[in-house]
Structure formats: structure tokens, C-alpha cells
Amino acid sequence: EKVEAATLLSPISYLNHVSAPMVQRMGKMHIDQMIVTMGVHELNFKSDWGANLLVSLCDTRLSCGDMLSSITGKNCCFNETRVAYYLEQEPHPSSSKNLNHLFQMIRKG
């Protein structure tokens, strides 16, 4: 029994409440549109290009010392001892079309 086809839509609600500083900055800079214009098909923070993008977004106004909370936002219940394990598996790449959709929702609500 295999799944022959699936259509997954996300998110089903609003994203104008996003509080993660890195995500807010990427939305304001229209990073999604830059990625599409450059012909990049997916954003992978584990690639050289994706890692360089993250570094270039960090400056005196956005501290990236804690990169995970810069992207995901603060979490009171996050287990700091598991960070290395989480970073082995995450973040997964995302298609430029998906990013375009998500950042549109962040900018417009």
C-alpha cells in the first residue's frame, strides 16, 4: 500500500505574527524574490550558498550568535543539550516557490 499522489498545502492560517528576527528580515528584504530571480530552485542552509546567505544577513542589528532562535524564534522549553542533534537533521531545504508563498503570507498577513 503506497501513496500514489499527495497534495500538501501549508500553512492554512496567517503568518503576519512571525516573531523570529531572521525570518522577519528575510521577508522585508524579499529574499524569496531574489532567490527566484537568481534561478535558485531551493534554499538549503547546509549548502555553501545558503550558509553564506545566513552570514550576510547577520550584522550589528541582528545577532546570529544563537542562529537557531534567530530562525525559529525564542522557545522557553527548548532543550539546549539537543541542539547538535537537531542541527544534524534540520533545517531541511525548501523550494523557492514554497518560500515565495510563505514570505508573501508573512508580508501581507
N, C-alpha and C. Protein backbone atom coordinates (compact mmCIF):
# COMPACT_ATOMS: atom_id res chain seq x y z
N GLU A 1 0.83 -1.17 0.00
CA GLU A 1 0.00 0.00 0.00
C GLU A 1 0.88 1.24 0.00
N LYS A 2 0.98 1.86 -1.18
CA LYS A 2 1.77 3.07 -1.32
C LYS A 2 0.87 4.24 -1.67
N VAL A 3 1.31 5.39 -1.29
CA VAL A 3 0.60 6.61 -1.65
C VAL A 3 0.98 6.95 -3.08
N GLU A 4 0.00 7.06 -3.95
CA GLU A 4 0.28 7.36 -5.35
C GLU A 4 0.45 8.85 -5.59
N ALA A 5 -0.27 9.66 -4.86
CA ALA A 5 -0.18 11.10 -5.04
C ALA A 5 -0.59 11.80 -3.76
N ALA A 6 -0.04 12.98 -3.56
CA ALA A 6 -0.40 13.77 -2.38
C ALA A 6 -0.28 15.24 -2.72
N THR A 7 -1.16 16.02 -2.16
CA THR A 7 -1.08 17.47 -2.27
C THR A 7 -1.04 18.01 -0.86
N LEU A 8 0.06 18.66 -0.52
CA LEU A 8 0.22 19.18 0.82
C LEU A 8 0.25 20.70 0.76
N LEU A 9 -0.62 21.33 1.47
CA LEU A 9 -0.69 22.78 1.49
C LEU A 9 -0.32 23.28 2.89
N SER A 10 0.48 24.32 2.93
CA SER A 10 0.89 24.84 4.22
C SER A 10 1.22 26.30 4.05
N PRO A 11 1.04 27.11 4.98
CA PRO A 11 0.19 26.96 6.15
C PRO A 11 -1.26 27.25 5.79
N ILE A 12 -2.14 26.97 6.70
CA ILE A 12 -3.56 27.17 6.45
C ILE A 12 -4.08 28.41 7.15
N SER A 13 -3.20 29.15 7.76
CA SER A 13 -3.61 30.30 8.55
C SER A 13 -2.79 31.51 8.15
N TYR A 14 -2.58 32.42 9.06
CA TYR A 14 -1.85 33.66 8.80
C TYR A 14 -0.44 33.56 9.34
N LEU A 15 0.48 34.29 8.70
CA LEU A 15 1.86 34.29 9.16
C LEU A 15 2.35 35.68 9.53
N ASN A 16 1.46 36.66 9.63
CA ASN A 16 1.92 38.01 9.96
C ASN A 16 2.32 38.15 11.42
N HIS A 17 2.18 37.11 12.22
CA HIS A 17 2.57 37.13 13.63
C HIS A 17 3.98 36.58 13.86
N VAL A 18 4.70 36.23 12.81
CA VAL A 18 6.02 35.63 12.94
C VAL A 18 6.93 36.59 13.71
N SER A 19 7.62 36.09 14.72
CA SER A 19 8.45 36.95 15.56
C SER A 19 9.95 36.65 15.44
N ALA A 20 10.32 35.62 14.70
CA ALA A 20 11.74 35.27 14.56
C ALA A 20 12.46 36.37 13.78
N PRO A 21 13.50 36.98 14.36
CA PRO A 21 14.17 38.11 13.73
C PRO A 21 14.72 37.81 12.34
N MET A 22 15.32 36.65 12.16
CA MET A 22 15.89 36.31 10.85
C MET A 22 14.80 36.19 9.79
N VAL A 23 13.70 35.58 10.14
CA VAL A 23 12.60 35.40 9.19
C VAL A 23 11.98 36.76 8.85
N GLN A 24 11.83 37.63 9.84
CA GLN A 24 11.31 38.97 9.57
C GLN A 24 12.21 39.72 8.61
N ARG A 25 13.51 39.64 8.84
CA ARG A 25 14.46 40.34 7.96
C ARG A 25 14.41 39.78 6.55
N MET A 26 14.36 38.46 6.43
CA MET A 26 14.31 37.85 5.09
C MET A 26 13.05 38.26 4.35
N GLY A 27 11.94 38.38 5.06
CA GLY A 27 10.70 38.81 4.45
C GLY A 27 10.77 40.25 3.97
N LYS A 28 11.29 41.14 4.82
CA LYS A 28 11.40 42.55 4.46
C LYS A 28 12.35 42.77 3.29
N MET A 29 13.38 41.93 3.19
CA MET A 29 14.35 42.07 2.10
C MET A 29 13.90 41.37 0.82
N HIS A 30 12.76 40.69 0.88
CA HIS A 30 12.23 39.95 -0.27
C HIS A 30 13.24 38.90 -0.77
N ILE A 31 13.84 38.19 0.18
CA ILE A 31 14.81 37.14 -0.15
C ILE A 31 14.20 36.11 -1.08
N ASP A 32 12.93 35.80 -0.89
CA ASP A 32 12.26 34.82 -1.74
C ASP A 32 12.28 35.24 -3.20
N GLN A 33 12.04 36.51 -3.46
CA GLN A 33 12.03 37.00 -4.84
C GLN A 33 13.44 37.03 -5.42
N MET A 34 14.43 37.34 -4.59
CA MET A 34 15.83 37.31 -5.05
C MET A 34 16.23 35.90 -5.46
N ILE A 35 15.82 34.92 -4.66
CA ILE A 35 16.17 33.53 -4.95
C ILE A 35 15.56 33.09 -6.28
N VAL A 36 14.29 33.43 -6.50
CA VAL A 36 13.62 33.07 -7.75
C VAL A 36 14.30 33.77 -8.92
N THR A 37 14.61 35.06 -8.78
CA THR A 37 15.24 35.83 -9.85
C THR A 37 16.61 35.27 -10.22
N MET A 38 17.34 34.78 -9.23
CA MET A 38 18.67 34.22 -9.49
C MET A 38 18.61 32.82 -10.07
N GLY A 39 17.43 32.25 -10.15
CA GLY A 39 17.30 30.91 -10.73
C GLY A 39 17.62 29.79 -9.76
N VAL A 40 17.64 30.10 -8.47
CA VAL A 40 17.88 29.08 -7.45
C VAL A 40 16.56 28.38 -7.19
N HIS A 41 16.55 27.06 -7.25
CA HIS A 41 15.31 26.30 -7.12
C HIS A 41 14.97 25.92 -5.70
N GLU A 42 15.97 25.92 -4.81
CA GLU A 42 15.69 25.61 -3.41
C GLU A 42 16.67 26.33 -2.52
N LEU A 43 16.23 26.64 -1.32
CA LEU A 43 17.09 27.25 -0.33
C LEU A 43 17.50 26.16 0.65
N ASN A 44 18.79 25.90 0.68
CA ASN A 44 19.34 24.88 1.57
C ASN A 44 20.41 25.55 2.42
N PHE A 45 20.12 25.75 3.71
CA PHE A 45 21.07 26.42 4.59
C PHE A 45 22.32 25.59 4.85
N LYS A 46 22.32 24.33 4.44
CA LYS A 46 23.51 23.50 4.61
C LYS A 46 24.45 23.60 3.41
N SER A 47 23.98 24.20 2.32
CA SER A 47 24.84 24.39 1.15
C SER A 47 25.75 25.60 1.39
N ASP A 48 26.82 25.71 0.62
CA ASP A 48 27.71 26.87 0.75
C ASP A 48 26.96 28.17 0.51
N TRP A 49 26.12 28.17 -0.53
CA TRP A 49 25.36 29.37 -0.88
C TRP A 49 24.41 29.75 0.25
N GLY A 50 23.69 28.79 0.79
CA GLY A 50 22.75 29.05 1.88
C GLY A 50 23.45 29.52 3.15
N ALA A 51 24.59 28.92 3.46
CA ALA A 51 25.36 29.32 4.65
C ALA A 51 25.86 30.75 4.49
N ASN A 52 26.34 31.09 3.29
CA ASN A 52 26.80 32.46 3.04
C ASN A 52 25.66 33.46 3.15
N LEU A 53 24.47 33.07 2.71
CA LEU A 53 23.30 33.94 2.83
C LEU A 53 23.01 34.23 4.30
N LEU A 54 23.03 33.20 5.13
CA LEU A 54 22.79 33.39 6.56
C LEU A 54 23.80 34.34 7.18
N VAL A 55 25.07 34.15 6.85
CA VAL A 55 26.12 35.00 7.41
C VAL A 55 25.92 36.45 6.95
N SER A 56 25.54 36.65 5.69
CA SER A 56 25.36 38.01 5.18
C SER A 56 24.17 38.72 5.80
N LEU A 57 23.20 37.98 6.33
CA LEU A 57 22.04 38.59 6.97
C LEU A 57 22.33 39.04 8.40
N CYS A 58 23.41 38.55 8.97
CA CYS A 58 23.77 38.90 10.35
C CYS A 58 24.58 40.19 10.37
N ASP A 59 24.25 41.09 11.27
CA ASP A 59 25.02 42.31 11.45
C ASP A 59 24.82 42.80 12.87
N THR A 60 25.13 44.06 13.12
CA THR A 60 25.03 44.57 14.49
C THR A 60 23.59 44.66 14.98
N ARG A 61 22.62 44.76 14.07
CA ARG A 61 21.22 44.85 14.48
C ARG A 61 20.57 43.49 14.66
N LEU A 62 21.14 42.46 14.06
CA LEU A 62 20.58 41.11 14.17
C LEU A 62 21.67 40.17 14.65
N SER A 63 21.61 39.78 15.89
CA SER A 63 22.61 38.88 16.46
C SER A 63 22.33 37.46 16.00
N CYS A 64 23.33 36.85 15.42
CA CYS A 64 23.16 35.47 14.97
C CYS A 64 23.99 34.53 15.83
N GLY A 65 24.33 34.97 17.04
CA GLY A 65 25.06 34.10 17.96
C GLY A 65 24.26 32.84 18.26
N ASP A 66 22.96 33.00 18.35
CA ASP A 66 22.07 31.87 18.55
C ASP A 66 21.25 31.73 17.27
N MET A 67 21.84 31.13 16.26
CA MET A 67 21.24 31.06 14.92
C MET A 67 19.89 30.35 14.94
N LEU A 68 19.77 29.32 15.73
CA LEU A 68 18.52 28.56 15.74
C LEU A 68 17.35 29.43 16.19
N SER A 69 17.52 30.21 17.30
CA SER A 69 16.40 31.06 17.72
C SER A 69 16.22 32.24 16.80
N SER A 70 17.25 32.64 16.05
CA SER A 70 17.07 33.72 15.07
C SER A 70 16.11 33.29 13.98
N ILE A 71 16.10 32.00 13.67
CA ILE A 71 15.24 31.48 12.61
C ILE A 71 13.89 31.03 13.16
N THR A 72 13.91 30.33 14.28
CA THR A 72 12.67 29.74 14.79
C THR A 72 11.95 30.61 15.81
N GLY A 73 12.64 31.59 16.39
CA GLY A 73 12.06 32.38 17.47
C GLY A 73 12.40 31.75 18.80
N LYS A 74 12.21 32.50 19.87
CA LYS A 74 12.53 32.01 21.21
C LYS A 74 11.55 30.92 21.64
N ASN A 75 12.07 29.95 22.38
CA ASN A 75 11.24 28.87 22.90
C ASN A 75 11.69 28.58 24.33
N CYS A 76 10.81 28.81 25.27
CA CYS A 76 11.16 28.62 26.69
C CYS A 76 11.46 27.16 27.02
N CYS A 77 10.91 26.26 26.27
CA CYS A 77 11.00 24.84 26.61
C CYS A 77 12.01 24.08 25.75
N PHE A 78 12.84 24.80 25.02
CA PHE A 78 13.80 24.18 24.12
C PHE A 78 14.94 23.54 24.91
N ASN A 79 15.28 22.32 24.58
CA ASN A 79 16.34 21.59 25.26
C ASN A 79 17.68 21.91 24.58
N GLU A 80 18.46 22.79 25.19
CA GLU A 80 19.73 23.26 24.62
C GLU A 80 20.74 22.12 24.39
N THR A 81 20.67 21.06 25.19
CA THR A 81 21.63 19.97 25.04
C THR A 81 21.39 19.17 23.77
N ARG A 82 20.25 19.35 23.11
CA ARG A 82 19.91 18.61 21.90
C ARG A 82 20.21 19.38 20.62
N VAL A 83 20.78 20.58 20.72
CA VAL A 83 20.99 21.43 19.55
C VAL A 83 21.82 20.72 18.49
N ALA A 84 22.91 20.09 18.87
CA ALA A 84 23.76 19.41 17.88
C ALA A 84 22.97 18.35 17.12
N TYR A 85 22.15 17.60 17.82
CA TYR A 85 21.33 16.58 17.17
C TYR A 85 20.34 17.21 16.20
N TYR A 86 19.67 18.28 16.65
CA TYR A 86 18.68 18.94 15.79
C TYR A 86 19.34 19.47 14.52
N LEU A 87 20.52 20.06 14.66
CA LEU A 87 21.18 20.66 13.51
C LEU A 87 21.72 19.62 12.53
N GLU A 88 21.89 18.38 12.97
CA GLU A 88 22.24 17.31 12.04
C GLU A 88 21.09 17.04 11.07
N GLN A 89 19.88 17.16 11.56
CA GLN A 89 18.69 16.83 10.78
C GLN A 89 18.02 18.05 10.15
N GLU A 90 18.17 19.19 10.72
CA GLU A 90 17.45 20.40 10.29
C GLU A 90 18.44 21.49 9.94
N PRO A 91 18.08 22.51 9.28
CA PRO A 91 16.80 22.70 8.61
C PRO A 91 16.82 22.02 7.25
N HIS A 92 15.67 21.54 6.83
CA HIS A 92 15.55 20.91 5.53
C HIS A 92 15.47 21.97 4.45
N PRO A 93 15.93 21.65 3.25
CA PRO A 93 15.79 22.61 2.15
C PRO A 93 14.32 22.86 1.83
N SER A 94 14.05 24.00 1.24
CA SER A 94 12.68 24.32 0.83
C SER A 94 12.73 24.90 -0.58
N SER A 95 11.73 24.59 -1.38
CA SER A 95 11.71 25.08 -2.75
C SER A 95 11.51 26.58 -2.77
N SER A 96 12.01 27.22 -3.82
CA SER A 96 11.86 28.67 -3.94
C SER A 96 10.39 29.05 -4.08
N LYS A 97 9.58 28.21 -4.70
CA LYS A 97 8.14 28.51 -4.81
C LYS A 97 7.47 28.47 -3.44
N ASN A 98 7.86 27.51 -2.62
CA ASN A 98 7.31 27.43 -1.27
C ASN A 98 7.72 28.65 -0.45
N LEU A 99 8.99 29.04 -0.55
CA LEU A 99 9.46 30.22 0.17
C LEU A 99 8.72 31.47 -0.29
N ASN A 100 8.50 31.58 -1.59
CA ASN A 100 7.77 32.73 -2.13
C ASN A 100 6.38 32.80 -1.50
N HIS A 101 5.70 31.68 -1.44
CA HIS A 101 4.36 31.62 -0.85
C HIS A 101 4.39 32.01 0.63
N LEU A 102 5.33 31.45 1.39
CA LEU A 102 5.40 31.71 2.82
C LEU A 102 5.74 33.18 3.11
N PHE A 103 6.72 33.72 2.39
CA PHE A 103 7.11 35.11 2.64
C PHE A 103 6.03 36.09 2.19
N GLN A 104 5.27 35.75 1.17
CA GLN A 104 4.13 36.58 0.80
C GLN A 104 3.15 36.66 1.95
N MET A 105 2.90 35.51 2.58
CA MET A 105 1.96 35.48 3.71
C MET A 105 2.50 36.24 4.91
N ILE A 106 3.81 36.22 5.10
CA ILE A 106 4.41 36.97 6.21
C ILE A 106 4.27 38.47 5.96
N ARG A 107 4.53 38.90 4.72
CA ARG A 107 4.46 40.32 4.39
C ARG A 107 3.03 40.86 4.37
N LYS A 108 2.09 40.06 3.88
CA LYS A 108 0.73 40.56 3.68
C LYS A 108 -0.27 40.08 4.72
N GLY A 109 0.12 39.12 5.54
CA GLY A 109 -0.79 38.65 6.59
C GLY A 109 -1.72 37.56 6.18
